[in-house]
C-alpha atoms as a PDB file:
ATOM      1  CA  MET A   1     -38.747  27.356 -12.932  1.00  0.00           C
ATOM      2  CA  ARG A   2     -36.437  27.131  -9.969  1.00  0.00           C
ATOM      3  CA  GLU A   3     -32.670  27.314 -10.404  1.00  0.00           C
ATOM      4  CA  ILE A   4     -30.550  24.778  -8.524  1.00  0.00           C
ATOM      5  CA  LYS A   5     -27.193  26.001  -7.299  1.00  0.00           C
ATOM      6  CA  PHE A   6     -24.413  23.679  -6.254  1.00  0.00           C
ATOM      7  CA  LYS A   7     -21.903  24.724  -3.655  1.00  0.00           C
ATOM      8  CA  SER A   8     -18.286  23.996  -4.341  1.00  0.00           C
ATOM      9  CA  PRO A   9     -16.655  21.902  -1.624  1.00  0.00           C
ATOM     10  CA  GLY A  10     -14.826  23.919   0.959  1.00  0.00           C
ATOM     11  CA  PRO A  11     -11.174  23.437   1.865  1.00  0.00           C
ATOM     12  CA  LEU A  12     -12.148  21.470   4.964  1.00  0.00           C
ATOM     13  CA  SER A  13     -14.138  18.937   2.903  1.00  0.00           C
ATOM     14  CA  ILE A  14     -11.351  18.473   0.375  1.00  0.00           C
ATOM     15  CA  GLY A  15      -8.743  18.148   3.135  1.00  0.00           C
ATOM     16  CA  SER A  16     -10.808  15.562   4.978  1.00  0.00           C
ATOM     17  CA  LEU A  17     -11.266  13.541   1.805  1.00  0.00           C
ATOM     18  CA  LEU A  18      -7.542  13.686   1.059  1.00  0.00           C
ATOM     19  CA  ILE A  19      -6.614  12.487   4.555  1.00  0.00           C
ATOM     20  CA  PHE A  20      -9.143   9.643   4.276  1.00  0.00           C
ATOM     21  CA  VAL A  21      -7.720   8.493   0.920  1.00  0.00           C
ATOM     22  CA  ILE A  22      -4.146   8.590   2.260  1.00  0.00           C
ATOM     23  CA  PHE A  23      -5.234   6.613   5.324  1.00  0.00           C
ATOM     24  CA  LEU A  24      -6.906   3.933   3.212  1.00  0.00           C
ATOM     25  CA  THR A  25      -3.903   3.670   0.897  1.00  0.00           C
ATOM     26  CA  ALA A  26      -1.433   3.405   3.765  1.00  0.00           C
ATOM     27  CA  CYS A  27      -3.443   0.820   5.685  1.00  0.00           C
ATOM     28  CA  GLY A  28      -4.065  -1.383   2.699  1.00  0.00           C
ATOM     29  CA  SER A  29      -0.507  -2.133   1.728  1.00  0.00           C
ATOM     30  CA  LYS A  30       1.625  -2.238   4.861  1.00  0.00           C
ATOM     31  CA  VAL A  31       3.265  -5.524   5.813  1.00  0.00           C
ATOM     32  CA  GLU A  32       4.794  -4.089   8.996  1.00  0.00           C
ATOM     33  CA  GLY A  33       3.462  -5.837  12.086  1.00  0.00           C
ATOM     34  CA  ASN A  34       2.105  -8.792  10.120  1.00  0.00           C
ATOM     35  CA  THR A  35       3.150 -12.408   9.736  1.00  0.00           C
ATOM     36  CA  TYR A  36       2.763 -14.311   6.466  1.00  0.00           C
ATOM     37  CA  ALA A  37       3.000 -18.071   5.937  1.00  0.00           C
ATOM     38  CA  GLY A  38       3.296 -20.322   2.918  1.00  0.00           C
ATOM     39  CA  ASN A  39       4.549 -23.544   1.423  1.00  0.00           C
ATOM     40  CA  GLY A  40       2.133 -25.615   3.484  1.00  0.00           C
ATOM     41  CA  GLY A  41       2.986 -23.765   6.708  1.00  0.00           C
ATOM     42  CA  ILE A  42       6.666 -24.717   6.466  1.00  0.00           C
ATOM     43  CA  VAL A  43       7.845 -21.127   6.080  1.00  0.00           C
ATOM     44  CA  SER A  44       6.727 -17.887   7.741  1.00  0.00           C
ATOM     45  CA  VAL A  45       7.891 -14.296   7.476  1.00  0.00           C
ATOM     46  CA  GLU A  46       7.333 -11.867  10.338  1.00  0.00           C
ATOM     47  CA  PHE A  47       7.635  -8.207   9.338  1.00  0.00           C
ATOM     48  CA  LYS A  48       8.701  -5.934  12.197  1.00  0.00           C
ATOM     49  CA  SER A  49       9.047  -2.168  12.403  1.00  0.00           C
ATOM     50  CA  GLY A  50      12.156  -0.424  11.158  1.00  0.00           C
ATOM     51  CA  GLY A  51      12.518  -2.623   8.080  1.00  0.00           C
ATOM     52  CA  LYS A  52      13.389  -5.748  10.079  1.00  0.00           C
ATOM     53  CA  ALA A  53      11.954  -9.177   9.368  1.00  0.00           C
ATOM     54  CA  PHE A  54      12.447 -12.779  10.439  1.00  0.00           C
ATOM     55  CA  VAL A  55      12.061 -15.764   8.131  1.00  0.00           C
ATOM     56  CA  ALA A  56      11.350 -19.034   9.912  1.00  0.00           C
ATOM     57  CA  THR A  57      11.628 -22.459   8.330  1.00  0.00           C
ATOM     58  CA  GLY A  58      10.669 -24.901  11.016  1.00  0.00           C
ATOM     59  CA  PRO A  59      12.683 -24.188  14.173  1.00  0.00           C
ATOM     60  CA  VAL A  60      15.303 -22.063  12.334  1.00  0.00           C
ATOM     61  CA  SER A  61      14.758 -18.290  12.215  1.00  0.00           C
ATOM     62  CA  THR A  62      16.881 -15.962  10.076  1.00  0.00           C
ATOM     63  CA  PRO A  63      17.057 -12.182  10.601  1.00  0.00           C
ATOM     64  CA  CYS A  64      16.362 -10.187   7.425  1.00  0.00           C
ATOM     65  CA  THR A  65      15.555  -6.693   6.238  1.00  0.00           C
ATOM     66  CA  TYR A  66      12.806  -5.448   3.951  1.00  0.00           C
ATOM     67  CA  THR A  67      11.609  -2.390   2.068  1.00  0.00           C
ATOM     68  CA  GLU A  68       8.190  -1.501   0.684  1.00  0.00           C
ATOM     69  CA  SER A  69       7.418   0.554  -2.366  1.00  0.00           C
ATOM     70  CA  GLY A  70       3.836   0.681  -3.564  1.00  0.00           C
ATOM     71  CA  LYS A  71       2.707  -2.910  -4.152  1.00  0.00           C
ATOM     72  CA  THR A  72       6.254  -4.310  -3.981  1.00  0.00           C
ATOM     73  CA  VAL A  73       7.995  -5.739  -0.919  1.00  0.00           C
ATOM     74  CA  THR A  74      11.704  -6.602  -1.182  1.00  0.00           C
ATOM     75  CA  LEU A  75      13.043  -9.048   1.412  1.00  0.00           C
ATOM     76  CA  ILE A  76      16.812  -9.417   1.875  1.00  0.00           C
ATOM     77  CA  CYS A  77      18.167 -12.368   3.876  1.00  0.00           C
ATOM     78  CA  GLU A  78      21.883 -13.103   3.979  1.00  0.00           C
ATOM     79  CA  ARG A  79      22.460 -11.302   0.640  1.00  0.00           C
ATOM     80  CA  ASP A  80      19.588 -13.149  -1.063  1.00  0.00           C
ATOM     81  CA  LYS A  81      16.894 -10.801  -2.366  1.00  0.00           C
ATOM     82  CA  THR A  82      13.283 -11.879  -2.913  1.00  0.00           C
ATOM     83  CA  VAL A  83      10.803  -9.459  -4.475  1.00  0.00           C
ATOM     84  CA  PHE A  84       7.115  -9.903  -3.644  1.00  0.00           C
ATOM     85  CA  THR A  85       4.074  -8.300  -5.212  1.00  0.00           C
ATOM     86  CA  VAL A  86       1.151  -7.556  -2.912  1.00  0.00           C
ATOM     87  CA  ASP A  87      -1.866  -9.289  -4.448  1.00  0.00           C
ATOM     88  CA  ASP A  88      -5.366  -7.764  -4.382  1.00  0.00           C
ATOM     89  CA  ASP A  89      -6.319 -10.165  -1.567  1.00  0.00           C
ATOM     90  CA  GLY A  90      -3.331  -9.032   0.545  1.00  0.00           C
ATOM     91  CA  ALA A  91      -1.163 -12.103  -0.087  1.00  0.00           C
ATOM     92  CA  LEU A  92       2.497 -11.740  -1.037  1.00  0.00           C
ATOM     93  CA  ILE A  93       3.366 -13.266  -4.401  1.00  0.00           C
ATOM     94  CA  GLY A  94       7.028 -14.255  -4.764  1.00  0.00           C
ATOM     95  CA  PRO A  95       8.943 -15.919  -7.581  1.00  0.00           C
ATOM     96  CA  PRO A  96       6.834 -18.740  -9.070  1.00  0.00           C
ATOM     97  CA  ASP A  97       9.671 -21.262  -8.918  1.00  0.00           C
ATOM     98  CA  GLY A  98      10.898 -20.264  -5.451  1.00  0.00           C
ATOM     99  CA  PHE A  99      10.424 -21.498  -1.908  1.00  0.00           C
ATOM    100  CA  LEU A 100       8.449 -18.330  -1.095  1.00  0.00           C
ATOM    101  CA  GLY A 101       5.925 -18.482  -3.946  1.00  0.00           C
ATOM    102  CA  ARG A 102       2.747 -17.283  -2.203  1.00  0.00           C
ATOM    103  CA  LEU A 103       2.495 -16.129   1.401  1.00  0.00           C
ATOM    104  CA  THR A 104      -0.824 -15.381   3.094  1.00  0.00           C
ATOM    105  CA  LYS A 105      -1.335 -13.188   6.139  1.00  0.00           C
ATOM    106  CA  THR A 106      -1.743 -15.137   9.385  1.00  0.00           C
ATOM    107  CA  LYS A 107      -2.112 -12.249  11.860  1.00  0.00           C
END
């Protein structure tokens, strides 16, 4: 009978796997550089680098700020705070009774 020996993964293999997992996690949840639209296309939110965002309702655009933490995105515009949850499909889910209820990525 032949004995089968398994090699333990080397540090390079474990390190590569760790970097890959971090890359996938980081890429999957970032809103930076993306634009989201909702409410029948009436409203859009453009997330820029440095925590800056712009909310457009028709021809009016308002400068805002945002932060991300895990699957939560907090948007602050003129002292009004809206908290979004990143859905499994990548959409942003806001307050159910609000103007920004569900926003889907446009680019």
